[in-house]
Amino acid sequence: MIRALPSTEWLRVALAAALLATAGPAFAAAGEPFKVVDGLTVYLGVLPAAMIQGHAPDHPEIAMHGGRPAGQHVYHIVVAVFEAKTGKRLADIGVSARVSSLGLAGPRKTLEAMDIADTVTYGNYFELSGEGLYDITIEVARAGAATPLHVKFTYEHRLR
């Protein structure tokens, strides 16, 4: 018997499916979709922002991060952070990202907390207009830490 999923459960399933569908191939040539640094495991997802275009006007994702920016090459950068030893998800942290073509300085944005199905991930929109390698540097600021943690990913972007 097929049952209808509550909207939060459906959103969680859709995000997980999108991460699995896009993260694996995207990172195959350029690295891994997660890194363990200074006791934290940081997961990175890069999803086409166009995925939310089909939602109803009152759907919560429509207004997420101030609304989807205009443009053909807009992507949603999504990050989840865990304690490496315990697997505990960190929900009370500051997260930002800088996304740039390899070797260049790109924009830095705060990744906003997204509470979906009682889990917290962080995200924002970035433009990835050309194919090739991108540096994605995630900055994690924890309460009580003297300096933020920087985790650098290399992402191979292919226009679809």
Protein backbone atom coordinates (compact mmCIF):
# COMPACT_ATOMS: atom_id res chain seq x y z
CA MET A 1 0.00 0.00 0.00
CA ILE A 2 1.34 3.43 -0.90
CA ARG A 3 0.77 6.18 1.62
CA ALA A 4 1.07 9.94 1.24
CA LEU A 5 4.05 11.41 3.04
CA PRO A 6 3.70 14.47 5.28
CA SER A 7 5.22 17.56 3.62
CA THR A 8 8.28 17.60 5.90
CA GLU A 9 8.93 13.91 5.31
CA TRP A 10 8.52 14.35 1.54
CA LEU A 11 10.96 17.27 1.58
CA ARG A 12 13.51 15.22 3.53
CA VAL A 13 13.18 12.30 1.11
CA ALA A 14 13.46 14.63 -1.91
CA LEU A 15 16.58 16.33 -0.53
CA ALA A 16 18.22 13.01 0.29
CA ALA A 17 17.45 11.66 -3.17
CA ALA A 18 18.78 14.80 -4.81
CA LEU A 19 21.98 14.69 -2.77
CA LEU A 20 22.53 11.06 -3.67
CA ALA A 21 21.74 11.64 -7.33
CA THR A 22 23.94 14.70 -7.79
CA ALA A 23 26.73 14.48 -5.23
CA GLY A 24 28.18 11.13 -6.28
CA PRO A 25 28.84 11.84 -9.95
CA ALA A 26 29.75 15.47 -9.30
CA PHE A 27 32.48 14.55 -6.86
CA ALA A 28 33.75 11.43 -8.63
CA ALA A 29 36.57 13.19 -10.47
CA ALA A 30 37.35 15.93 -7.98
CA GLY A 31 37.15 14.49 -4.47
CA GLU A 32 34.73 13.35 -1.82
CA PRO A 33 31.40 14.90 -0.78
CA PHE A 34 32.58 15.03 2.86
CA LYS A 35 35.72 15.75 4.85
CA VAL A 36 36.78 15.14 8.44
CA VAL A 37 38.73 18.09 9.89
CA ASP A 38 39.56 18.85 13.54
CA GLY A 39 36.96 16.45 14.91
CA LEU A 40 34.13 17.52 12.61
CA THR A 41 32.67 15.76 9.59
CA VAL A 42 31.44 18.25 7.00
CA TYR A 43 29.15 17.06 4.17
CA LEU A 44 28.67 19.16 1.03
CA GLY A 45 25.88 19.00 -1.55
CA VAL A 46 25.46 21.03 -4.73
CA LEU A 47 21.92 20.99 -6.15
CA PRO A 48 20.38 22.84 -9.09
CA ALA A 49 18.16 25.60 -7.71
CA ALA A 50 15.74 24.90 -10.56
CA MET A 51 14.57 21.90 -8.51
CA ILE A 52 12.28 24.22 -6.53
CA GLN A 53 10.62 25.86 -9.55
CA GLY A 54 7.79 23.34 -9.60
CA HIS A 55 6.71 23.99 -6.01
CA ALA A 56 3.43 25.69 -5.16
CA PRO A 57 3.71 29.42 -4.35
CA ASP A 58 3.06 28.76 -0.64
CA HIS A 59 5.72 26.02 -0.35
CA PRO A 60 8.41 26.95 2.24
CA GLU A 61 11.28 26.42 -0.21
CA ILE A 62 10.02 29.22 -2.47
CA ALA A 63 11.00 31.89 0.11
CA MET A 64 14.09 30.06 1.38
CA HIS A 65 17.21 32.30 1.53
CA GLY A 66 15.19 35.30 0.35
CA GLY A 67 13.86 33.45 -2.69
CA ARG A 68 15.59 31.77 -5.60
CA PRO A 69 17.73 34.27 -7.52
CA ALA A 70 17.09 34.75 -11.21
CA GLY A 71 19.48 33.09 -13.58
CA GLN A 72 20.05 29.89 -15.45
CA HIS A 73 23.10 28.66 -13.52
CA VAL A 74 21.98 29.04 -9.89
CA TYR A 75 22.81 26.22 -7.49
CA HIS A 76 21.93 25.50 -3.88
CA ILE A 77 24.98 24.77 -1.73
CA VAL A 78 23.93 22.58 1.22
CA VAL A 79 26.13 21.66 4.20
CA ALA A 80 25.62 19.35 7.18
CA VAL A 81 28.10 19.26 10.08
CA PHE A 82 28.59 16.44 12.59
CA GLU A 83 30.94 15.60 15.45
CA ALA A 84 33.23 12.97 13.93
CA LYS A 85 33.44 10.75 17.05
CA THR A 86 29.79 10.72 18.07
CA GLY A 87 27.98 11.40 14.80
CA LYS A 88 25.98 14.13 16.57
CA ARG A 89 24.66 16.74 14.13
CA LEU A 90 25.72 20.28 15.05
CA ALA A 91 22.81 22.68 14.94
CA ASP A 92 23.99 25.75 16.85
CA ILE A 93 26.89 26.92 14.68
CA GLY A 94 27.65 29.63 12.15
CA VAL A 95 28.35 28.40 8.62
CA SER A 96 29.43 30.30 5.52
CA ALA A 97 30.83 29.37 2.11
CA ARG A 98 33.04 30.93 -0.53
CA VAL A 99 32.51 29.54 -4.02
CA SER A 100 34.92 30.44 -6.78
CA SER A 101 36.36 29.20 -10.03
CA LEU A 102 39.65 27.48 -9.34
CA GLY A 103 42.30 30.03 -8.38
CA LEU A 104 39.95 33.03 -8.26
CA ALA A 105 38.18 34.82 -5.42
CA GLY A 106 34.43 34.27 -5.46
CA PRO A 107 31.56 35.46 -3.30
CA ARG A 108 31.30 34.50 0.36
CA LYS A 109 27.80 34.02 1.76
CA THR A 110 26.32 33.00 5.06
CA LEU A 111 24.70 29.58 4.84
CA GLU A 112 21.35 29.84 6.53
CA ALA A 113 20.05 27.17 8.88
CA MET A 114 17.28 25.02 7.38
CA ASP A 115 15.26 22.97 9.84
CA ILE A 116 13.77 20.09 7.88
CA ALA A 117 12.18 17.08 9.59
CA ASP A 118 13.91 17.88 12.89
CA THR A 119 17.38 18.04 11.33
CA VAL A 120 19.44 21.14 10.61
CA THR A 121 21.39 21.74 7.44
CA TYR A 122 22.81 25.01 6.13
CA GLY A 123 22.47 26.46 2.66
CA ASN A 124 22.36 29.33 0.23
CA TYR A 125 22.32 30.01 -3.50
CA PHE A 126 25.42 30.52 -5.66
CA GLU A 127 25.93 30.99 -9.38
CA LEU A 128 28.09 28.38 -11.12
CA SER A 129 28.07 29.62 -14.69
CA GLY A 130 30.85 27.65 -16.32
CA GLU A 131 31.98 24.07 -16.40
CA GLY A 132 35.15 23.12 -14.60
CA LEU A 133 36.63 23.02 -11.15
CA TYR A 134 35.38 25.23 -8.32
CA ASP A 135 36.87 25.82 -4.90
CA ILE A 136 34.20 25.65 -2.21
CA THR A 137 35.51 26.69 1.19
CA ILE A 138 33.19 26.07 4.12
CA GLU A 139 33.75 28.06 7.31
CA VAL A 140 32.30 26.65 10.54
CA ALA A 141 32.20 28.90 13.62
CA ARG A 142 31.50 27.07 16.88
CA ALA A 143 30.66 28.73 20.17
CA GLY A 144 33.76 28.97 22.33
CA ALA A 145 36.20 28.29 19.49
CA ALA A 146 38.90 30.93 19.08
CA THR A 147 38.91 30.68 15.29
CA PRO A 148 36.53 29.20 12.74
CA LEU A 149 37.27 25.92 11.02
CA HIS A 150 37.92 26.08 7.25
CA VAL A 151 37.18 23.05 5.08
CA LYS A 152 38.07 23.24 1.39
CA PHE A 153 36.39 21.14 -1.28
CA THR A 154 37.16 20.96 -4.99
CA TYR A 155 33.96 20.52 -6.96
CA GLU A 156 33.83 19.56 -10.63
CA HIS A 157 30.88 21.32 -12.21
CA ARG A 158 29.25 20.11 -15.39
CA LEU A 159 26.47 22.07 -17.07
CA ARG A 160 23.43 19.91 -17.54
